[in-house]
PDB file of N, CA and C in Angstrom:
ATOM      1  N   MET A   1      -5.134   6.711 -11.223  1.00  0.00           N
ATOM      2  CA  MET A   1      -5.249   8.698 -10.903  1.00  0.00           C
ATOM      3  C   MET A   1      -6.215   8.362  -9.335  1.00  0.00           C
ATOM      4  N   HIS A   2      -5.186   9.897  -8.908  1.00  0.00           N
ATOM      5  CA  HIS A   2      -5.365   9.778  -7.098  1.00  0.00           C
ATOM      6  C   HIS A   2      -6.928  10.703  -7.174  1.00  0.00           C
ATOM      7  N   ALA A   3      -8.200  10.516  -6.485  1.00  0.00           N
ATOM      8  CA  ALA A   3      -8.989  11.543  -6.390  1.00  0.00           C
ATOM      9  C   ALA A   3      -8.680  12.194  -5.390  1.00  0.00           C
ATOM     10  N   MET A   4      -8.809  13.731  -5.793  1.00  0.00           N
ATOM     11  CA  MET A   4      -8.762  15.137  -3.891  1.00  0.00           C
ATOM     12  C   MET A   4      -9.987  15.724  -4.245  1.00  0.00           C
ATOM     13  N   GLU A   5     -10.043  15.631  -2.407  1.00  0.00           N
ATOM     14  CA  GLU A   5     -10.876  16.174  -1.788  1.00  0.00           C
ATOM     15  C   GLU A   5     -11.079  17.625  -1.723  1.00  0.00           C
ATOM     16  N   ALA A   6     -11.783  18.434  -1.378  1.00  0.00           N
ATOM     17  CA  ALA A   6     -11.545  19.677  -0.788  1.00  0.00           C
ATOM     18  C   ALA A   6     -11.103  19.177   1.315  1.00  0.00           C
ATOM     19  N   PRO A   7     -10.353  20.478   1.217  1.00  0.00           N
ATOM     20  CA  PRO A   7      -9.932  20.243   3.002  1.00  0.00           C
ATOM     21  C   PRO A   7     -10.516  19.364   3.769  1.00  0.00           C
ATOM     22  N   GLY A   8     -10.682  19.101   4.548  1.00  0.00           N
ATOM     23  CA  GLY A   8     -11.665  18.098   5.695  1.00  0.00           C
ATOM     24  C   GLY A   8     -11.577  16.452   5.525  1.00  0.00           C
ATOM     25  N   ASP A   9     -12.880  16.617   6.473  1.00  0.00           N
ATOM     26  CA  ASP A   9     -12.053  14.964   7.245  1.00  0.00           C
ATOM     27  C   ASP A   9     -12.541  13.942   6.113  1.00  0.00           C
ATOM     28  N   SER A  10     -11.899  12.994   5.792  1.00  0.00           N
ATOM     29  CA  SER A  10     -13.359  11.424   4.682  1.00  0.00           C
ATOM     30  C   SER A  10     -14.101  10.628   5.857  1.00  0.00           C
ATOM     31  N   ASP A  11     -14.980  10.513   5.825  1.00  0.00           N
ATOM     32  CA  ASP A  11     -15.743   9.611   5.912  1.00  0.00           C
ATOM     33  C   ASP A  11     -15.230   8.284   5.521  1.00  0.00           C
ATOM     34  N   SER A  12     -14.600   8.357   4.394  1.00  0.00           N
ATOM     35  CA  SER A  12     -14.785   6.747   3.350  1.00  0.00           C
ATOM     36  C   SER A  12     -13.500   5.843   4.478  1.00  0.00           C
ATOM     37  N   PRO A  13     -13.628   4.258   4.268  1.00  0.00           N
ATOM     38  CA  PRO A  13     -13.377   3.447   4.878  1.00  0.00           C
ATOM     39  C   PRO A  13     -11.959   3.256   4.361  1.00  0.00           C
ATOM     40  N   LYS A  14     -11.703   3.664   2.820  1.00  0.00           N
ATOM     41  CA  LYS A  14      -9.822   3.559   2.514  1.00  0.00           C
ATOM     42  C   LYS A  14      -8.566   4.552   3.541  1.00  0.00           C
ATOM     43  N   ALA A  15      -9.845   5.913   3.237  1.00  0.00           N
ATOM     44  CA  ALA A  15      -8.835   7.173   4.599  1.00  0.00           C
ATOM     45  C   ALA A  15      -8.522   6.553   6.382  1.00  0.00           C
ATOM     46  N   GLY A  16      -9.133   5.766   6.409  1.00  0.00           N
ATOM     47  CA  GLY A  16      -8.631   5.228   8.123  1.00  0.00           C
ATOM     48  C   GLY A  16      -7.850   4.202   7.717  1.00  0.00           C
ATOM     49  N   VAL A  17      -8.294   3.085   6.585  1.00  0.00           N
ATOM     50  CA  VAL A  17      -6.608   2.950   6.338  1.00  0.00           C
ATOM     51  C   VAL A  17      -5.621   3.302   6.340  1.00  0.00           C
ATOM     52  N   HIS A  18      -4.828   4.397   5.162  1.00  0.00           N
ATOM     53  CA  HIS A  18      -4.111   4.945   5.261  1.00  0.00           C
ATOM     54  C   HIS A  18      -4.118   6.018   6.636  1.00  0.00           C
ATOM     55  N   ASP A  19      -5.103   6.499   7.439  1.00  0.00           N
ATOM     56  CA  ASP A  19      -4.967   7.164   8.107  1.00  0.00           C
ATOM     57  C   ASP A  19      -3.871   6.041   9.344  1.00  0.00           C
ATOM     58  N   ASN A  20      -4.363   4.713   9.668  1.00  0.00           N
ATOM     59  CA  ASN A  20      -2.940   4.329  10.617  1.00  0.00           C
ATOM     60  C   ASN A  20      -2.163   3.437  10.215  1.00  0.00           C
ATOM     61  N   PHE A  21      -1.619   3.530   8.550  1.00  0.00           N
ATOM     62  CA  PHE A  21      -1.193   3.292   8.057  1.00  0.00           C
ATOM     63  C   PHE A  21       0.262   3.685   9.191  1.00  0.00           C
ATOM     64  N   CYS A  22       0.888   4.775   9.309  1.00  0.00           N
ATOM     65  CA  CYS A  22       2.108   5.548  10.214  1.00  0.00           C
ATOM     66  C   CYS A  22       2.001   5.133  10.893  1.00  0.00           C
ATOM     67  N   GLY A  23       1.887   3.603  11.814  1.00  0.00           N
ATOM     68  CA  GLY A  23       1.658   3.197  12.722  1.00  0.00           C
ATOM     69  C   GLY A  23       2.136   2.126  12.938  1.00  0.00           C
ATOM     70  N   TRP A  24       1.991   1.132  11.283  1.00  0.00           N
ATOM     71  CA  TRP A  24       2.478   0.161  10.772  1.00  0.00           C
ATOM     72  C   TRP A  24       3.927   0.191  10.655  1.00  0.00           C
ATOM     73  N   LYS A  25       5.047  -0.723  11.668  1.00  0.00           N
ATOM     74  CA  LYS A  25       6.433  -0.619  11.554  1.00  0.00           C
ATOM     75  C   LYS A  25       6.771  -2.644  11.522  1.00  0.00           C
ATOM     76  N   THR A  26       5.920  -2.560  11.350  1.00  0.00           N
ATOM     77  CA  THR A  26       6.644  -4.205  10.737  1.00  0.00           C
ATOM     78  C   THR A  26       6.007  -4.334   9.744  1.00  0.00           C
ATOM     79  N   GLU A  27       6.266  -5.753   8.889  1.00  0.00           N
ATOM     80  CA  GLU A  27       5.363  -6.555   8.290  1.00  0.00           C
ATOM     81  C   GLU A  27       4.748  -7.317   9.060  1.00  0.00           C
ATOM     82  N   THR A  28       5.128  -7.210  10.537  1.00  0.00           N
ATOM     83  CA  THR A  28       3.789  -8.646  11.007  1.00  0.00           C
ATOM     84  C   THR A  28       2.378  -8.006  11.029  1.00  0.00           C
ATOM     85  N   LYS A  29       2.427  -6.521  11.238  1.00  0.00           N
ATOM     86  CA  LYS A  29       1.651  -5.321  11.531  1.00  0.00           C
ATOM     87  C   LYS A  29       0.845  -4.726   9.623  1.00  0.00           C
ATOM     88  N   VAL A  30       2.122  -4.886   8.506  1.00  0.00           N
ATOM     89  CA  VAL A  30       0.809  -4.341   7.761  1.00  0.00           C
ATOM     90  C   VAL A  30      -0.102  -6.217   6.971  1.00  0.00           C
ATOM     91  N   ILE A  31       0.934  -7.412   7.529  1.00  0.00           N
ATOM     92  CA  ILE A  31      -0.200  -8.510   7.252  1.00  0.00           C
ATOM     93  C   ILE A  31      -1.345  -8.844   7.765  1.00  0.00           C
ATOM     94  N   SER A  32      -0.874  -7.993   9.625  1.00  0.00           N
ATOM     95  CA  SER A  32      -2.044  -8.569  10.133  1.00  0.00           C
ATOM     96  C   SER A  32      -3.379  -7.329   9.323  1.00  0.00           C
ATOM     97  N   GLN A  33      -3.253  -6.418   9.158  1.00  0.00           N
ATOM     98  CA  GLN A  33      -3.744  -5.313   8.583  1.00  0.00           C
ATOM     99  C   GLN A  33      -4.665  -5.109   7.285  1.00  0.00           C
ATOM    100  N   SER A  34      -4.256  -6.350   6.652  1.00  0.00           N
ATOM    101  CA  SER A  34      -4.677  -6.877   4.466  1.00  0.00           C
ATOM    102  C   SER A  34      -5.398  -7.912   4.972  1.00  0.00           C
ATOM    103  N   PRO A  35      -7.002  -7.777   4.857  1.00  0.00           N
ATOM    104  CA  PRO A  35      -7.079  -9.590   4.790  1.00  0.00           C
ATOM    105  C   PRO A  35      -6.584  -9.537   4.302  1.00  0.00           C
ATOM    106  N   ASP A  36      -6.090 -11.354   4.387  1.00  0.00           N
ATOM    107  CA  ASP A  36      -5.911 -12.488   3.398  1.00  0.00           C
ATOM    108  C   ASP A  36      -4.455 -12.248   2.400  1.00  0.00           C
ATOM    109  N   PHE A  37      -3.820 -11.579   3.088  1.00  0.00           N
ATOM    110  CA  PHE A  37      -2.042 -10.495   2.240  1.00  0.00           C
ATOM    111  C   PHE A  37      -1.841 -11.709   2.469  1.00  0.00           C
ATOM    112  N   ASN A  38      -1.434 -13.382   3.351  1.00  0.00           N
ATOM    113  CA  ASN A  38      -0.460 -14.463   3.158  1.00  0.00           C
ATOM    114  C   ASN A  38      -1.502 -15.155   1.902  1.00  0.00           C
ATOM    115  N   ARG A  39      -2.637 -15.788   2.357  1.00  0.00           N
ATOM    116  CA  ARG A  39      -2.884 -16.755   1.193  1.00  0.00           C
ATOM    117  C   ARG A  39      -2.771 -16.384  -0.536  1.00  0.00           C
ATOM    118  N   THR A  40      -2.706 -14.604  -0.575  1.00  0.00           N
ATOM    119  CA  THR A  40      -3.314 -14.466  -1.330  1.00  0.00           C
ATOM    120  C   THR A  40      -1.833 -13.864  -2.541  1.00  0.00           C
ATOM    121  N   ALA A  41      -0.988 -13.307  -1.517  1.00  0.00           N
ATOM    122  CA  ALA A  41       0.810 -13.195  -1.984  1.00  0.00           C
ATOM    123  C   ALA A  41       0.845 -14.166  -1.962  1.00  0.00           C
ATOM    124  N   ALA A  42       0.773 -15.488  -1.938  1.00  0.00           N
ATOM    125  CA  ALA A  42       2.026 -16.404  -1.625  1.00  0.00           C
ATOM    126  C   ALA A  42       2.378 -17.104  -2.517  1.00  0.00           C
ATOM    127  N   PRO A  43       1.499 -17.261  -3.912  1.00  0.00           N
ATOM    128  CA  PRO A  43       2.038 -17.539  -5.172  1.00  0.00           C
ATOM    129  C   PRO A  43       2.762 -16.748  -5.943  1.00  0.00           C
ATOM    130  N   LEU A  44       3.026 -15.730  -5.921  1.00  0.00           N
ATOM    131  CA  LEU A  44       4.081 -14.499  -6.450  1.00  0.00           C
ATOM    132  C   LEU A  44       4.683 -14.526  -5.875  1.00  0.00           C
ATOM    133  N   TYR A  45       5.270 -15.069  -4.240  1.00  0.00           N
ATOM    134  CA  TYR A  45       6.438 -14.549  -3.743  1.00  0.00           C
ATOM    135  C   TYR A  45       7.031 -15.826  -4.082  1.00  0.00           C
ATOM    136  N   ASP A  46       6.291 -16.953  -3.860  1.00  0.00           N
ATOM    137  CA  ASP A  46       7.173 -18.433  -4.650  1.00  0.00           C
ATOM    138  C   ASP A  46       7.710 -18.191  -5.637  1.00  0.00           C
ATOM    139  N   PHE A  47       6.892 -17.329  -6.788  1.00  0.00           N
ATOM    140  CA  PHE A  47       7.766 -17.492  -8.108  1.00  0.00           C
ATOM    141  C   PHE A  47       8.784 -16.189  -8.478  1.00  0.00           C
ATOM    142  N   LEU A  48       8.532 -15.697  -7.325  1.00  0.00           N
ATOM    143  CA  LEU A  48       9.922 -14.733  -7.187  1.00  0.00           C
ATOM    144  C   LEU A  48      10.768 -15.268  -6.395  1.00  0.00           C
ATOM    145  N   GLY A  49      11.086 -16.646  -6.548  1.00  0.00           N
ATOM    146  CA  GLY A  49      11.876 -16.830  -5.762  1.00  0.00           C
ATOM    147  C   GLY A  49      13.570 -17.382  -6.563  1.00  0.00           C
ATOM    148  N   ARG A  50      14.485 -17.008  -5.556  1.00  0.00           N
ATOM    149  CA  ARG A  50      15.304 -17.237  -6.879  1.00  0.00           C
ATOM    150  C   ARG A  50      15.519 -18.881  -7.488  1.00  0.00           C
ATOM    151  N   ASN A  51      16.464 -18.919  -8.704  1.00  0.00           N
ATOM    152  CA  ASN A  51      16.391 -19.771  -9.184  1.00  0.00           C
ATOM    153  C   ASN A  51      15.697 -21.282  -9.206  1.00  0.00           C
ATOM    154  N   ARG A  52      14.281 -20.099  -9.642  1.00  0.00           N
ATOM    155  CA  ARG A  52      13.033 -21.032 -10.349  1.00  0.00           C
ATOM    156  C   ARG A  52      12.472 -20.812 -10.712  1.00  0.00           C
ATOM    157  N   LYS A  53      12.398 -22.817 -11.494  1.00  0.00           N
ATOM    158  CA  LYS A  53      11.678 -22.096 -13.213  1.00  0.00           C
ATOM    159  C   LYS A  53      10.826 -21.366 -13.443  1.00  0.00           C
ATOM    160  N   PHE A  54      10.856 -20.715 -14.008  1.00  0.00           N
ATOM    161  CA  PHE A  54      10.019 -19.883 -14.663  1.00  0.00           C
ATOM    162  C   PHE A  54       8.359 -20.980 -15.284  1.00  0.00           C
ATOM    163  N   GLU A  55       6.850 -20.505 -14.302  1.00  0.00           N
ATOM    164  CA  GLU A  55       5.922 -21.834 -14.936  1.00  0.00           C
ATOM    165  C   GLU A  55       5.031 -20.934 -13.830  1.00  0.00           C
ATOM    166  N   TRP A  56       3.787 -20.153 -14.497  1.00  0.00           N
ATOM    167  CA  TRP A  56       3.203 -19.426 -14.715  1.00  0.00           C
ATOM    168  C   TRP A  56       2.129 -20.614 -14.479  1.00  0.00           C
ATOM    169  N   THR A  57       1.612 -20.478 -13.517  1.00  0.00           N
ATOM    170  CA  THR A  57       0.185 -21.878 -12.801  1.00  0.00           C
ATOM    171  C   THR A  57      -1.365 -20.298 -12.064  1.00  0.00           C
ATOM    172  N   ARG A  58      -2.213 -21.800 -12.275  1.00  0.00           N
ATOM    173  CA  ARG A  58      -2.972 -20.876 -12.152  1.00  0.00           C
ATOM    174  C   ARG A  58      -2.877 -20.376 -10.864  1.00  0.00           C
ATOM    175  N   GLY A  59      -2.832 -20.989  -9.491  1.00  0.00           N
ATOM    176  CA  GLY A  59      -2.887 -19.973  -8.628  1.00  0.00           C
ATOM    177  C   GLY A  59      -1.743 -18.723  -8.344  1.00  0.00           C
ATOM    178  N   ARG A  60      -1.122 -18.568  -9.356  1.00  0.00           N
ATOM    179  CA  ARG A  60      -0.026 -17.431  -9.267  1.00  0.00           C
ATOM    180  C   ARG A  60      -0.962 -16.561 -10.428  1.00  0.00           C
ATOM    181  N   GLU A  61      -2.117 -16.955 -11.817  1.00  0.00           N
ATOM    182  CA  GLU A  61      -2.510 -15.928 -11.742  1.00  0.00           C
ATOM    183  C   GLU A  61      -3.817 -15.403 -11.170  1.00  0.00           C
ATOM    184  N   ALA A  62      -4.072 -16.155 -10.605  1.00  0.00           N
ATOM    185  CA  ALA A  62      -5.188 -16.095  -9.174  1.00  0.00           C
ATOM    186  C   ALA A  62      -4.475 -14.663  -8.337  1.00  0.00           C
ATOM    187  N   SER A  63      -3.581 -14.998  -8.218  1.00  0.00           N
ATOM    188  CA  SER A  63      -2.731 -13.846  -7.424  1.00  0.00           C
ATOM    189  C   SER A  63      -2.709 -12.810  -7.708  1.00  0.00           C
ATOM    190  N   GLU A  64      -2.305 -12.711  -9.171  1.00  0.00           N
ATOM    191  CA  GLU A  64      -1.827 -11.692 -10.024  1.00  0.00           C
ATOM    192  C   GLU A  64      -3.213 -10.991  -9.977  1.00  0.00           C
ATOM    193  N   ARG A  65      -4.334 -11.129 -10.092  1.00  0.00           N
ATOM    194  CA  ARG A  65      -5.649 -10.530 -10.604  1.00  0.00           C
ATOM    195  C   ARG A  65      -5.668  -9.899  -9.411  1.00  0.00           C
ATOM    196  N   VAL A  66      -5.744 -10.990  -8.537  1.00  0.00           N
ATOM    197  CA  VAL A  66      -6.358 -10.384  -6.595  1.00  0.00           C
ATOM    198  C   VAL A  66      -5.613  -8.409  -6.951  1.00  0.00           C
ATOM    199  N   LYS A  67      -4.376  -9.156  -6.473  1.00  0.00           N
ATOM    200  CA  LYS A  67      -3.172  -8.131  -6.647  1.00  0.00           C
ATOM    201  C   LYS A  67      -3.070  -6.244  -7.658  1.00  0.00           C
ATOM    202  N   ALA A  68      -4.089  -6.739  -8.856  1.00  0.00           N
ATOM    203  CA  ALA A  68      -4.186  -5.957  -9.337  1.00  0.00           C
ATOM    204  C   ALA A  68      -5.775  -4.916  -8.977  1.00  0.00           C
ATOM    205  N   ARG A  69      -6.366  -6.010  -8.957  1.00  0.00           N
ATOM    206  CA  ARG A  69      -7.761  -5.577  -8.393  1.00  0.00           C
ATOM    207  C   ARG A  69      -7.711  -4.953  -7.766  1.00  0.00           C
ATOM    208  N   LYS A  70      -6.784  -4.897  -6.558  1.00  0.00           N
ATOM    209  CA  LYS A  70      -6.549  -3.737  -5.121  1.00  0.00           C
ATOM    210  C   LYS A  70      -5.504  -2.376  -6.047  1.00  0.00           C
ATOM    211  N   LEU A  71      -5.214  -3.211  -6.817  1.00  0.00           N
ATOM    212  CA  LEU A  71      -4.498  -1.097  -7.069  1.00  0.00           C
ATOM    213  C   LEU A  71      -4.669   0.052  -7.852  1.00  0.00           C
ATOM    214  N   ASP A  72      -5.778  -1.204  -8.815  1.00  0.00           N
ATOM    215  CA  ASP A  72      -6.980  -0.862  -8.915  1.00  0.00           C
ATOM    216  C   ASP A  72      -7.649  -0.139  -8.458  1.00  0.00           C
ATOM    217  N   GLN A  73      -8.256   0.501  -7.480  1.00  0.00           N
ATOM    218  CA  GLN A  73      -8.592   0.501  -6.499  1.00  0.00           C
ATOM    219  C   GLN A  73      -8.044   2.773  -5.862  1.00  0.00           C
ATOM    220  N   GLN A  74      -9.190   2.953  -6.223  1.00  0.00           N
ATOM    221  CA  GLN A  74      -8.999   4.137  -6.232  1.00  0.00           C
ATOM    222  C   GLN A  74      -8.625   5.201  -4.663  1.00  0.00           C
ATOM    223  N   LEU A  75      -8.277   5.482  -4.468  1.00  0.00           N
ATOM    224  CA  LEU A  75      -7.566   5.833  -3.262  1.00  0.00           C
ATOM    225  C   LEU A  75      -8.073   7.720  -2.844  1.00  0.00           C
ATOM    226  N   THR A  76      -8.649   7.877  -2.074  1.00  0.00           N
ATOM    227  CA  THR A  76      -8.579   9.358  -1.571  1.00  0.00           C
ATOM    228  C   THR A  76      -7.840  10.183  -0.869  1.00  0.00           C
ATOM    229  N   LEU A  77      -7.336  11.202  -2.029  1.00  0.00           N
ATOM    230  CA  LEU A  77      -6.206  11.695  -1.053  1.00  0.00           C
ATOM    231  C   LEU A  77      -6.705  13.079  -0.735  1.00  0.00           C
ATOM    232  N   LYS A  78      -6.155  14.166   0.132  1.00  0.00           N
ATOM    233  CA  LYS A  78      -6.498  14.973   0.643  1.00  0.00           C
ATOM    234  C   LYS A  78      -5.382  16.363   0.178  1.00  0.00           C
ATOM    235  N   LEU A  79      -6.239  17.373   0.296  1.00  0.00           N
ATOM    236  CA  LEU A  79      -5.355  18.714  -0.454  1.00  0.00           C
ATOM    237  C   LEU A  79      -4.850  19.229   1.085  1.00  0.00           C
ATOM    238  N   PRO A  80      -3.361  19.485   1.408  1.00  0.00           N
ATOM    239  CA  PRO A  80      -2.524  20.125   2.372  1.00  0.00           C
ATOM    240  C   PRO A  80      -3.154  21.680   3.186  1.00  0.00           C
ATOM    241  N   ARG A  81      -3.014  22.105   4.405  1.00  0.00           N
ATOM    242  CA  ARG A  81      -3.872  22.892   4.569  1.00  0.00           C
ATOM    243  C   ARG A  81      -1.748  23.532   4.589  1.00  0.00           C
ATOM    244  N   ILE A  82      -2.604  24.393   4.742  1.00  0.00           N
ATOM    245  CA  ILE A  82      -1.061  25.350   5.022  1.00  0.00           C
ATOM    246  C   ILE A  82      -0.560  25.540   6.549  1.00  0.00           C
ATOM    247  N   GLY A  83       0.490  25.581   6.760  1.00  0.00           N
ATOM    248  CA  GLY A  83       1.096  25.672   7.916  1.00  0.00           C
ATOM    249  C   GLY A  83       0.586  23.977   8.745  1.00  0.00           C
ATOM    250  N   GLY A  84       1.427  23.733  10.055  1.00  0.00           N
ATOM    251  CA  GLY A  84       1.292  22.539  10.787  1.00  0.00           C
ATOM    252  C   GLY A  84       2.440  22.491  10.218  1.00  0.00           C
ATOM    253  N   MET A  85       2.132  21.204  10.730  1.00  0.00           N
ATOM    254  CA  MET A  85       3.364  19.880  10.576  1.00  0.00           C
ATOM    255  C   MET A  85       3.296  18.648   9.490  1.00  0.00           C
ATOM    256  N   PHE A  86       4.238  18.109   8.874  1.00  0.00           N
ATOM    257  CA  PHE A  86       3.875  17.597   7.431  1.00  0.00           C
ATOM    258  C   PHE A  86       4.629  16.199   8.300  1.00  0.00           C
ATOM    259  N   ILE A  87       3.954  15.106   8.038  1.00  0.00           N
ATOM    260  CA  ILE A  87       4.779  13.777   8.902  1.00  0.00           C
ATOM    261  C   ILE A  87       5.026  12.992   7.646  1.00  0.00           C
ATOM    262  N   VAL A  88       6.346  12.385   7.685  1.00  0.00           N
ATOM    263  CA  VAL A  88       6.552  11.295   6.374  1.00  0.00           C
ATOM    264  C   VAL A  88       6.815  10.052   6.765  1.00  0.00           C
ATOM    265  N   ALA A  89       6.129   8.909   6.575  1.00  0.00           N
ATOM    266  CA  ALA A  89       6.413   7.734   7.215  1.00  0.00           C
ATOM    267  C   ALA A  89       7.352   7.059   5.979  1.00  0.00           C
ATOM    268  N   GLU A  90       7.864   6.098   6.022  1.00  0.00           N
ATOM    269  CA  GLU A  90       8.565   5.411   4.844  1.00  0.00           C
ATOM    270  C   GLU A  90       8.730   3.847   5.444  1.00  0.00           C
ATOM    271  N   GLY A  91       8.769   2.811   4.436  1.00  0.00           N
ATOM    272  CA  GLY A  91       9.502   1.854   5.155  1.00  0.00           C
ATOM    273  C   GLY A  91      10.430   1.518   3.857  1.00  0.00           C
ATOM    274  N   ALA A  92      10.546  -0.589   4.086  1.00  0.00           N
ATOM    275  CA  ALA A  92      11.902  -0.497   3.583  1.00  0.00           C
ATOM    276  C   ALA A  92      12.181  -2.098   3.302  1.00  0.00           C
ATOM    277  N   SER A  93      12.571  -2.563   2.632  1.00  0.00           N
ATOM    278  CA  SER A  93      12.710  -4.475   2.847  1.00  0.00           C
ATOM    279  C   SER A  93      13.961  -4.241   1.604  1.00  0.00           C
ATOM    280  N   ASP A  94      14.188  -5.741   1.577  1.00  0.00           N
ATOM    281  CA  ASP A  94      15.735  -5.480   0.574  1.00  0.00           C
ATOM    282  C   ASP A  94      14.802  -6.015  -0.988  1.00  0.00           C
ATOM    283  N   ARG A  95      13.315  -6.013  -0.965  1.00  0.00           N
ATOM    284  CA  ARG A  95      12.206  -5.633  -2.258  1.00  0.00           C
ATOM    285  C   ARG A  95      11.570  -4.726  -2.318  1.00  0.00           C
ATOM    286  N   GLY A  96      11.818  -3.428  -1.829  1.00  0.00           N
ATOM    287  CA  GLY A  96      11.112  -2.398  -2.209  1.00  0.00           C
ATOM    288  C   GLY A  96      11.070  -0.804  -1.244  1.00  0.00           C
ATOM    289  N   ILE A  97      11.157  -0.129  -1.539  1.00  0.00           N
ATOM    290  CA  ILE A  97      10.511   0.567  -0.455  1.00  0.00           C
ATOM    291  C   ILE A  97       9.287   1.114  -1.036  1.00  0.00           C
ATOM    292  N   GLY A  98       8.826   2.561  -0.330  1.00  0.00           N
ATOM    293  CA  GLY A  98       7.635   3.178  -0.322  1.00  0.00           C
ATOM    294  C   GLY A  98       7.798   4.404   0.683  1.00  0.00           C
ATOM    295  N   ALA A  99       6.959   4.884   0.929  1.00  0.00           N
ATOM    296  CA  ALA A  99       6.444   6.864   1.706  1.00  0.00           C
ATOM    297  C   ALA A  99       4.865   7.112   1.597  1.00  0.00           C
ATOM    298  N   VAL A 100       5.056   7.727   2.519  1.00  0.00           N
ATOM    299  CA  VAL A 100       3.098   8.519   3.027  1.00  0.00           C
ATOM    300  C   VAL A 100       3.851   9.815   3.427  1.00  0.00           C
ATOM    301  N   LEU A 101       2.806  10.496   2.317  1.00  0.00           N
ATOM    302  CA  LEU A 101       3.155  11.725   2.813  1.00  0.00           C
ATOM    303  C   LEU A 101       1.665  12.562   4.229  1.00  0.00           C
ATOM    304  N   LYS A 102       1.602  12.896   5.490  1.00  0.00           N
ATOM    305  CA  LYS A 102       0.985  12.839   5.940  1.00  0.00           C
ATOM    306  C   LYS A 102       0.455  14.309   6.327  1.00  0.00           C
ATOM    307  N   HIS A 103      -0.449  15.069   6.505  1.00  0.00           N
ATOM    308  CA  HIS A 103      -0.588  16.075   6.777  1.00  0.00           C
ATOM    309  C   HIS A 103      -1.660  16.247   7.830  1.00  0.00           C
ATOM    310  N   ARG A 104      -2.534  17.102   9.218  1.00  0.00           N
ATOM    311  CA  ARG A 104      -2.607  16.770  10.134  1.00  0.00           C
ATOM    312  C   ARG A 104      -4.113  16.299   9.396  1.00  0.00           C
ATOM    313  N   ASN A 105      -4.393  16.695   8.558  1.00  0.00           N
ATOM    314  CA  ASN A 105      -6.307  16.399   7.986  1.00  0.00           C
ATOM    315  C   ASN A 105      -5.972  14.310   6.770  1.00  0.00           C
ATOM    316  N   GLY A 106      -5.356  14.435   6.953  1.00  0.00           N
ATOM    317  CA  GLY A 106      -5.405  13.077   6.026  1.00  0.00           C
ATOM    318  C   GLY A 106      -4.139  12.955   5.600  1.00  0.00           C
ATOM    319  N   VAL A 107      -3.867  11.341   4.538  1.00  0.00           N
ATOM    320  CA  VAL A 107      -2.538  11.588   3.685  1.00  0.00           C
ATOM    321  C   VAL A 107      -2.489  12.439   2.199  1.00  0.00           C
ATOM    322  N   ILE A 108      -1.593  12.913   1.987  1.00  0.00           N
ATOM    323  CA  ILE A 108      -1.957  13.810   0.667  1.00  0.00           C
ATOM    324  C   ILE A 108      -1.133  13.490  -0.302  1.00  0.00           C
ATOM    325  N   GLU A 109      -0.301  11.724  -0.223  1.00  0.00           N
ATOM    326  CA  GLU A 109       0.812  11.248  -1.201  1.00  0.00           C
ATOM    327  C   GLU A 109       1.158  10.302  -0.568  1.00  0.00           C
ATOM    328  N   TYR A 110       1.220   9.083  -1.894  1.00  0.00           N
ATOM    329  CA  TYR A 110       1.802   7.766  -1.391  1.00  0.00           C
ATOM    330  C   TYR A 110       3.131   7.399  -2.042  1.00  0.00           C
ATOM    331  N   ALA A 111       3.599   7.037  -2.496  1.00  0.00           N
ATOM    332  CA  ALA A 111       5.055   6.270  -3.533  1.00  0.00           C
ATOM    333  C   ALA A 111       5.292   5.183  -3.285  1.00  0.00           C
ATOM    334  N   SER A 112       5.860   4.377  -3.846  1.00  0.00           N
ATOM    335  CA  SER A 112       6.749   3.211  -3.576  1.00  0.00           C
ATOM    336  C   SER A 112       7.317   2.140  -4.902  1.00  0.00           C
ATOM    337  N   ARG A 113       8.303   1.843  -4.564  1.00  0.00           N
ATOM    338  CA  ARG A 113       9.169   1.385  -5.748  1.00  0.00           C
ATOM    339  C   ARG A 113       9.824   0.449  -5.401  1.00  0.00           C
ATOM    340  N   VAL A 114      10.134  -0.657  -6.840  1.00  0.00           N
ATOM    341  CA  VAL A 114      10.435  -1.748  -6.393  1.00  0.00           C
ATOM    342  C   VAL A 114      11.863  -1.652  -6.477  1.00  0.00           C
ATOM    343  N   ILE A 115      12.311  -2.368  -5.848  1.00  0.00           N
ATOM    344  CA  ILE A 115      14.288  -2.605  -6.040  1.00  0.00           C
ATOM    345  C   ILE A 115      14.348  -3.636  -6.706  1.00  0.00           C
ATOM    346  N   ASP A 116      15.497  -3.661  -7.651  1.00  0.00           N
ATOM    347  CA  ASP A 116      15.071  -4.722  -8.857  1.00  0.00           C
ATOM    348  C   ASP A 116      16.909  -5.731  -8.379  1.00  0.00           C
TER     349      ASP A 116
END
């Protein structure tokens, strides 16, 4: 569920993260902006490797719980104002694609998909 605000700027720290997202052009930059990203995600990345035996460990369970908790956090989206330029920032890898639709007053919508 997305929270919608009336037009205007938000002072929410989450909004600031998304406002800066469009400047993230490399995986390194994304990781550097995500506290403990490598430590948290490493067990899941190891699990996703090809030709790996299916083994669900405590580390992978903990990593999955942290990821799920972060994804459940509600993000604040803005209502677009008519007129002006819209910005689409996109990114892709061999594992997924994502995009953020922004307007001058903040993030309007975001989407991501995993590529099978």
